[in-house]
C-alpha atoms as a PDB file:
ATOM      1  CA  UNK A   1      -0.045  -0.031   0.112  1.00  0.00           C
ATOM      2  CA  UNK A   2       1.354   3.449  -0.681  1.00  0.00           C
ATOM      3  CA  UNK A   3      -1.554   5.745   0.129  1.00  0.00           C
ATOM      4  CA  UNK A   4      -4.572   5.611   2.637  1.00  0.00           C
ATOM      5  CA  UNK A   5      -7.632   7.560   1.503  1.00  0.00           C
ATOM      6  CA  UNK A   6     -10.094   8.651   4.278  1.00  0.00           C
ATOM      7  CA  UNK A   7     -13.659   9.302   3.851  1.00  0.00           C
ATOM      8  CA  UNK A   8     -15.092  12.243   6.055  1.00  0.00           C
ATOM      9  CA  UNK A   9     -18.529  12.322   7.261  1.00  0.00           C
ATOM     10  CA  UNK A  10     -19.304   9.447   9.612  1.00  0.00           C
ATOM     11  CA  UNK A  11     -15.885   8.073   9.635  1.00  0.00           C
ATOM     12  CA  UNK A  12     -13.662  10.960  10.914  1.00  0.00           C
ATOM     13  CA  UNK A  13     -16.396  13.372  12.152  1.00  0.00           C
ATOM     14  CA  UNK A  14     -19.713  12.658  13.867  1.00  0.00           C
ATOM     15  CA  UNK A  15     -21.765  14.430  11.053  1.00  0.00           C
ATOM     16  CA  UNK A  16     -24.289  12.024  10.169  1.00  0.00           C
ATOM     17  CA  UNK A  17     -26.860  13.520  13.250  1.00  0.00           C
ATOM     18  CA  UNK A  18     -26.320  16.965  11.600  1.00  0.00           C
ATOM     19  CA  UNK A  19     -27.223  15.812   7.980  1.00  0.00           C
ATOM     20  CA  UNK A  20     -30.376  13.875   9.650  1.00  0.00           C
ATOM     21  CA  UNK A  21     -31.404  16.957  11.690  1.00  0.00           C
ATOM     22  CA  UNK A  22     -30.931  19.249   8.459  1.00  0.00           C
ATOM     23  CA  UNK A  23     -32.888  16.877   6.190  1.00  0.00           C
ATOM     24  CA  UNK A  24     -35.515  16.550   8.696  1.00  0.00           C
ATOM     25  CA  UNK A  25     -35.697  20.450   9.124  1.00  0.00           C
ATOM     26  CA  UNK A  26     -35.527  21.410   5.447  1.00  0.00           C
ATOM     27  CA  UNK A  27     -37.879  18.436   3.737  1.00  0.00           C
ATOM     28  CA  UNK A  28     -40.937  19.174   5.153  1.00  0.00           C
ATOM     29  CA  UNK A  29     -40.768  22.742   4.198  1.00  0.00           C
ATOM     30  CA  UNK A  30     -41.446  21.087   0.528  1.00  0.00           C
ATOM     31  CA  UNK A  31     -43.739  18.628   1.758  1.00  0.00           C
ATOM     32  CA  UNK A  32     -41.700  15.533   1.986  1.00  0.00           C
ATOM     33  CA  UNK A  33     -42.803  13.568   5.414  1.00  0.00           C
ATOM     34  CA  UNK A  34     -39.166  12.635   6.137  1.00  0.00           C
ATOM     35  CA  UNK A  35     -38.847  10.394   9.248  1.00  0.00           C
ATOM     36  CA  UNK A  36     -35.342   9.909  10.895  1.00  0.00           C
ATOM     37  CA  UNK A  37     -35.230   6.194  10.171  1.00  0.00           C
ATOM     38  CA  UNK A  38     -35.840   7.158   6.460  1.00  0.00           C
ATOM     39  CA  UNK A  39     -32.365   8.731   6.364  1.00  0.00           C
ATOM     40  CA  UNK A  40     -30.747   5.868   6.777  1.00  0.00           C
ATOM     41  CA  UNK A  41     -31.454   4.657   3.052  1.00  0.00           C
ATOM     42  CA  UNK A  42     -29.337   7.663   1.803  1.00  0.00           C
ATOM     43  CA  UNK A  43     -26.223   7.491   3.966  1.00  0.00           C
ATOM     44  CA  UNK A  44     -23.192   8.170   1.801  1.00  0.00           C
ATOM     45  CA  UNK A  45     -24.874   9.710  -1.230  1.00  0.00           C
ATOM     46  CA  UNK A  46     -23.819  13.276  -2.373  1.00  0.00           C
ATOM     47  CA  UNK A  47     -26.669  15.509  -1.008  1.00  0.00           C
ATOM     48  CA  UNK A  48     -27.974  16.322  -4.925  1.00  0.00           C
ATOM     49  CA  UNK A  49     -28.561  12.737  -4.963  1.00  0.00           C
ATOM     50  CA  UNK A  50     -30.314  12.595  -1.686  1.00  0.00           C
ATOM     51  CA  UNK A  51     -32.383  15.530  -2.829  1.00  0.00           C
ATOM     52  CA  UNK A  52     -33.579  13.659  -6.417  1.00  0.00           C
ATOM     53  CA  UNK A  53     -33.992  10.695  -4.117  1.00  0.00           C
ATOM     54  CA  UNK A  54     -36.813  12.236  -2.210  1.00  0.00           C
ATOM     55  CA  UNK A  55     -38.163  14.575  -5.014  1.00  0.00           C
ATOM     56  CA  UNK A  56     -38.655  11.338  -7.258  1.00  0.00           C
ATOM     57  CA  UNK A  57     -41.039   9.932  -4.222  1.00  0.00           C
ATOM     58  CA  UNK A  58     -42.534  13.190  -3.293  1.00  0.00           C
ATOM     59  CA  UNK A  59     -42.156  15.858  -5.838  1.00  0.00           C
ATOM     60  CA  UNK A  60     -42.746  19.340  -4.794  1.00  0.00           C
ATOM     61  CA  UNK A  61     -42.824  23.051  -6.434  1.00  0.00           C
ATOM     62  CA  UNK A  62     -41.542  26.079  -5.479  1.00  0.00           C
ATOM     63  CA  UNK A  63     -38.061  25.824  -4.416  1.00  0.00           C
ATOM     64  CA  UNK A  64     -35.614  24.190  -6.887  1.00  0.00           C
ATOM     65  CA  UNK A  65     -33.789  20.939  -5.898  1.00  0.00           C
ATOM     66  CA  UNK A  66     -30.642  23.172  -6.161  1.00  0.00           C
ATOM     67  CA  UNK A  67     -32.064  25.512  -3.339  1.00  0.00           C
ATOM     68  CA  UNK A  68     -32.895  22.153  -1.004  1.00  0.00           C
ATOM     69  CA  UNK A  69     -29.703  20.940  -1.142  1.00  0.00           C
ATOM     70  CA  UNK A  70     -27.910  24.340  -0.277  1.00  0.00           C
ATOM     71  CA  UNK A  71     -30.311  24.801   2.469  1.00  0.00           C
ATOM     72  CA  UNK A  72     -29.387  21.424   3.777  1.00  0.00           C
ATOM     73  CA  UNK A  73     -25.588  21.900   3.397  1.00  0.00           C
ATOM     74  CA  UNK A  74     -25.598  25.012   4.991  1.00  0.00           C
ATOM     75  CA  UNK A  75     -27.427  23.806   8.147  1.00  0.00           C
ATOM     76  CA  UNK A  76     -24.981  21.019   8.352  1.00  0.00           C
ATOM     77  CA  UNK A  77     -21.872  23.366   7.983  1.00  0.00           C
ATOM     78  CA  UNK A  78     -23.376  25.519  10.888  1.00  0.00           C
ATOM     79  CA  UNK A  79     -23.715  22.511  13.182  1.00  0.00           C
ATOM     80  CA  UNK A  80     -20.181  21.283  12.437  1.00  0.00           C
ATOM     81  CA  UNK A  81     -18.823  25.019  13.518  1.00  0.00           C
ATOM     82  CA  UNK A  82     -20.996  25.110  16.458  1.00  0.00           C
ATOM     83  CA  UNK A  83     -21.197  21.549  18.068  1.00  0.00           C
ATOM     84  CA  UNK A  84     -18.883  19.044  15.628  1.00  0.00           C
ATOM     85  CA  UNK A  85     -16.557  16.412  17.237  1.00  0.00           C
ATOM     86  CA  UNK A  86     -13.850  14.190  15.595  1.00  0.00           C
ATOM     87  CA  UNK A  87     -14.701  10.549  16.545  1.00  0.00           C
ATOM     88  CA  UNK A  88     -12.563   8.513  18.440  1.00  0.00           C
ATOM     89  CA  UNK A  89      -9.679   7.594  16.920  1.00  0.00           C
ATOM     90  CA  UNK A  90      -9.726   9.795  13.949  1.00  0.00           C
ATOM     91  CA  UNK A  91      -6.735  12.043  14.181  1.00  0.00           C
ATOM     92  CA  UNK A  92      -4.670   9.086  15.523  1.00  0.00           C
ATOM     93  CA  UNK A  93      -5.335   7.051  12.656  1.00  0.00           C
ATOM     94  CA  UNK A  94      -4.239   9.717  10.249  1.00  0.00           C
ATOM     95  CA  UNK A  95      -1.063  10.239  12.137  1.00  0.00           C
ATOM     96  CA  UNK A  96      -0.664   6.368  12.107  1.00  0.00           C
ATOM     97  CA  UNK A  97      -1.120   5.960   8.105  1.00  0.00           C
ATOM     98  CA  UNK A  98       1.591   8.790   8.055  1.00  0.00           C
ATOM     99  CA  UNK A  99       3.755   7.074  10.304  1.00  0.00           C
ATOM    100  CA  UNK A 100       3.496   3.915   7.811  1.00  0.00           C
ATOM    101  CA  UNK A 101       4.756   5.967   5.201  1.00  0.00           C
ATOM    102  CA  UNK A 102       1.239   6.047   3.289  1.00  0.00           C
ATOM    103  CA  UNK A 103       0.212   9.247   1.565  1.00  0.00           C
ATOM    104  CA  UNK A 104      -2.673  10.573   2.991  1.00  0.00           C
ATOM    105  CA  UNK A 105      -5.871  11.924   1.038  1.00  0.00           C
ATOM    106  CA  UNK A 106      -9.545  12.556   1.687  1.00  0.00           C
ATOM    107  CA  UNK A 107     -12.209  11.738  -0.595  1.00  0.00           C
ATOM    108  CA  UNK A 108     -15.766  12.588   0.164  1.00  0.00           C
ATOM    109  CA  UNK A 109     -19.374  12.349  -0.997  1.00  0.00           C
ATOM    110  CA  UNK A 110     -19.686  15.990   0.560  1.00  0.00           C
ATOM    111  CA  UNK A 111     -19.576  19.453  -1.322  1.00  0.00           C
ATOM    112  CA  UNK A 112     -16.031  21.053  -1.053  1.00  0.00           C
ATOM    113  CA  UNK A 113     -17.594  24.051   0.894  1.00  0.00           C
ATOM    114  CA  UNK A 114     -18.248  21.507   3.711  1.00  0.00           C
ATOM    115  CA  UNK A 115     -14.945  19.443   3.354  1.00  0.00           C
ATOM    116  CA  UNK A 116     -13.060  22.915   3.761  1.00  0.00           C
ATOM    117  CA  UNK A 117     -15.508  23.970   6.756  1.00  0.00           C
ATOM    118  CA  UNK A 118     -14.725  20.473   8.703  1.00  0.00           C
ATOM    119  CA  UNK A 119     -10.716  20.570   7.761  1.00  0.00           C
ATOM    120  CA  UNK A 120     -10.631  24.379   9.294  1.00  0.00           C
ATOM    121  CA  UNK A 121     -12.953  23.580  12.047  1.00  0.00           C
ATOM    122  CA  UNK A 122     -10.353  20.539  13.242  1.00  0.00           C
ATOM    123  CA  UNK A 123      -7.171  21.971  12.007  1.00  0.00           C
ATOM    124  CA  UNK A 124      -6.827  18.949   9.844  1.00  0.00           C
ATOM    125  CA  UNK A 125      -6.007  20.931   6.503  1.00  0.00           C
ATOM    126  CA  UNK A 126      -2.142  19.903   6.760  1.00  0.00           C
ATOM    127  CA  UNK A 127      -3.014  16.348   7.626  1.00  0.00           C
ATOM    128  CA  UNK A 128      -3.988  15.210   3.819  1.00  0.00           C
ATOM    129  CA  UNK A 129      -1.882  15.857   0.898  1.00  0.00           C
ATOM    130  CA  UNK A 130      -5.311  16.542  -1.126  1.00  0.00           C
ATOM    131  CA  UNK A 131      -8.793  16.367  -0.765  1.00  0.00           C
ATOM    132  CA  UNK A 132     -11.225  15.475  -3.559  1.00  0.00           C
ATOM    133  CA  UNK A 133     -15.440  15.751  -3.678  1.00  0.00           C
ATOM    134  CA  UNK A 134     -17.497  13.718  -5.684  1.00  0.00           C
ATOM    135  CA  UNK A 135     -19.089  16.667  -6.641  1.00  0.00           C
ATOM    136  CA  UNK A 136     -16.976  17.085  -9.481  1.00  0.00           C
ATOM    137  CA  UNK A 137     -17.803  13.522 -10.581  1.00  0.00           C
ATOM    138  CA  UNK A 138     -20.698  12.614 -13.120  1.00  0.00           C
ATOM    139  CA  UNK A 139     -21.611  10.108 -10.393  1.00  0.00           C
ATOM    140  CA  UNK A 140     -21.231   9.856  -6.657  1.00  0.00           C
ATOM    141  CA  UNK A 141     -20.523   6.848  -4.337  1.00  0.00           C
ATOM    142  CA  UNK A 142     -21.278   3.747  -4.723  1.00  0.00           C
ATOM    143  CA  UNK A 143     -19.705   4.692  -8.109  1.00  0.00           C
ATOM    144  CA  UNK A 144     -15.886   4.653  -7.707  1.00  0.00           C
ATOM    145  CA  UNK A 145     -15.310   7.807  -9.680  1.00  0.00           C
ATOM    146  CA  UNK A 146     -14.045   9.945  -6.578  1.00  0.00           C
ATOM    147  CA  UNK A 147     -11.730   7.394  -5.386  1.00  0.00           C
ATOM    148  CA  UNK A 148     -10.121   6.539  -8.699  1.00  0.00           C
ATOM    149  CA  UNK A 149      -9.662  10.241  -9.463  1.00  0.00           C
ATOM    150  CA  UNK A 150      -7.907  10.614  -6.002  1.00  0.00           C
ATOM    151  CA  UNK A 151      -5.406   7.682  -7.054  1.00  0.00           C
ATOM    152  CA  UNK A 152      -4.940   9.175 -10.480  1.00  0.00           C
ATOM    153  CA  UNK A 153      -4.076  12.729  -8.847  1.00  0.00           C
ATOM    154  CA  UNK A 154      -1.829  10.958  -6.478  1.00  0.00           C
ATOM    155  CA  UNK A 155      -0.105   9.186  -9.168  1.00  0.00           C
ATOM    156  CA  UNK A 156      -0.727   5.693  -7.369  1.00  0.00           C
ATOM    157  CA  UNK A 157      -2.559   2.596  -9.043  1.00  0.00           C
ATOM    158  CA  UNK A 158      -5.694   2.155  -7.196  1.00  0.00           C
ATOM    159  CA  UNK A 159      -4.527  -1.431  -6.057  1.00  0.00           C
ATOM    160  CA  UNK A 160      -1.850   0.212  -4.122  1.00  0.00           C
ATOM    161  CA  UNK A 161      -4.678   2.516  -1.981  1.00  0.00           C
ATOM    162  CA  UNK A 162      -6.367   1.336   1.001  1.00  0.00           C
ATOM    163  CA  UNK A 163      -9.665   3.189   1.941  1.00  0.00           C
ATOM    164  CA  UNK A 164     -11.213   3.894   5.201  1.00  0.00           C
ATOM    165  CA  UNK A 165     -15.103   4.000   5.096  1.00  0.00           C
ATOM    166  CA  UNK A 166     -18.039   3.856   7.641  1.00  0.00           C
ATOM    167  CA  UNK A 167     -20.749   3.495   4.775  1.00  0.00           C
ATOM    168  CA  UNK A 168     -21.912   0.727   2.582  1.00  0.00           C
ATOM    169  CA  UNK A 169     -22.054   3.159  -0.365  1.00  0.00           C
ATOM    170  CA  UNK A 170     -18.609   4.014   0.471  1.00  0.00           C
ATOM    171  CA  UNK A 171     -17.245   0.501   0.847  1.00  0.00           C
ATOM    172  CA  UNK A 172     -19.023  -0.551  -2.308  1.00  0.00           C
ATOM    173  CA  UNK A 173     -17.278   2.497  -4.168  1.00  0.00           C
ATOM    174  CA  UNK A 174     -13.749   1.298  -2.861  1.00  0.00           C
ATOM    175  CA  UNK A 175     -14.112  -2.092  -3.761  1.00  0.00           C
ATOM    176  CA  UNK A 176     -15.497  -1.235  -7.332  1.00  0.00           C
ATOM    177  CA  UNK A 177     -12.190   1.030  -7.659  1.00  0.00           C
ATOM    178  CA  UNK A 178     -10.226  -2.518  -6.578  1.00  0.00           C
ATOM    179  CA  UNK A 179      -8.961  -0.696  -3.549  1.00  0.00           C
ATOM    180  CA  UNK A 180      -8.227  -2.601  -0.288  1.00  0.00           C
ATOM    181  CA  UNK A 181     -11.126  -1.562   2.034  1.00  0.00           C
ATOM    182  CA  UNK A 182     -11.217  -1.043   5.818  1.00  0.00           C
ATOM    183  CA  UNK A 183     -14.752  -0.608   7.146  1.00  0.00           C
ATOM    184  CA  UNK A 184     -15.947   0.949  10.235  1.00  0.00           C
ATOM    185  CA  UNK A 185     -19.564   0.889  10.498  1.00  0.00           C
ATOM    186  CA  UNK A 186     -21.656   2.991  12.577  1.00  0.00           C
ATOM    187  CA  UNK A 187     -23.903   1.533  15.416  1.00  0.00           C
ATOM    188  CA  UNK A 188     -26.850   1.272  13.091  1.00  0.00           C
ATOM    189  CA  UNK A 189     -25.192  -0.424  10.666  1.00  0.00           C
ATOM    190  CA  UNK A 190     -22.851  -2.541  12.303  1.00  0.00           C
ATOM    191  CA  UNK A 191     -24.857  -6.168  11.767  1.00  0.00           C
ATOM    192  CA  UNK A 192     -25.401  -5.277   8.287  1.00  0.00           C
ATOM    193  CA  UNK A 193     -24.161  -8.275   6.543  1.00  0.00           C
ATOM    194  CA  UNK A 194     -23.001  -6.448   3.263  1.00  0.00           C
ATOM    195  CA  UNK A 195     -20.174  -5.439   4.905  1.00  0.00           C
ATOM    196  CA  UNK A 196     -18.583  -8.817   4.532  1.00  0.00           C
ATOM    197  CA  UNK A 197     -17.124  -7.569   1.583  1.00  0.00           C
ATOM    198  CA  UNK A 198     -14.662  -5.420   3.319  1.00  0.00           C
ATOM    199  CA  UNK A 199     -10.967  -6.642   3.610  1.00  0.00           C
ATOM    200  CA  UNK A 200     -10.977  -5.346   7.500  1.00  0.00           C
ATOM    201  CA  UNK A 201     -13.977  -4.602   9.652  1.00  0.00           C
ATOM    202  CA  UNK A 202     -13.343  -2.538  12.991  1.00  0.00           C
ATOM    203  CA  UNK A 203     -15.751  -1.283  15.856  1.00  0.00           C
ATOM    204  CA  UNK A 204     -14.258   2.279  15.549  1.00  0.00           C
ATOM    205  CA  UNK A 205     -10.840   3.834  14.405  1.00  0.00           C
ATOM    206  CA  UNK A 206      -9.080   3.199  17.761  1.00  0.00           C
ATOM    207  CA  UNK A 207      -8.751  -0.449  16.947  1.00  0.00           C
ATOM    208  CA  UNK A 208      -6.822   0.636  13.430  1.00  0.00           C
ATOM    209  CA  UNK A 209      -3.384  -0.948  13.478  1.00  0.00           C
ATOM    210  CA  UNK A 210      -0.272  -0.524  11.251  1.00  0.00           C
ATOM    211  CA  UNK A 211      -0.791  -3.996   9.706  1.00  0.00           C
ATOM    212  CA  UNK A 212      -4.342  -3.168   8.760  1.00  0.00           C
ATOM    213  CA  UNK A 213      -3.110  -0.502   6.509  1.00  0.00           C
ATOM    214  CA  UNK A 214      -0.187  -2.191   4.989  1.00  0.00           C
ATOM    215  CA  UNK A 215      -2.141  -5.382   4.082  1.00  0.00           C
ATOM    216  CA  UNK A 216       0.065  -7.562   6.209  1.00  0.00           C
END
């Protein structure tokens, strides 16, 4: 392995409750009868894809899909600044990857606006060689585009990259890119049998070892 590619939401930063809170606040304003358990179906998707998903089921008038997505994004960014926290072992996991001689990058479904917000809020800007957002790709996760582009920009073959992900959509994208995948599922999906495709499965990042990263 030559590079470690980290997801962001739900892996490094506990943003999932913020996404759900924002969606539960914004979607009802356009007539979508969203409930918290319904949010689980779209974890790991880009916000434009989340909005399109619910628009297909509950088409609305008035606000555009772009407006709804932007409102949700701004709600999440504000929540990160006000009460966001790094997940246990997140900073140590990045340091471990670097100490193993791996180049580090971040590849997220989130918009660049939110990624920058998170990196600045938690002083992580110098921890990654680069970050890439799936908003620049034709398709978001579970499509492998963002991971393949990150590897290409690093100049490293996909099979020499290890991805750390919390969502099944992200895990599927990593495997489709032919990358080694370390899954750290959130509690609500810990028993999801689909995570069996991961090369390594952890309860949280504090369990991560150098051997997990290098594939030994």
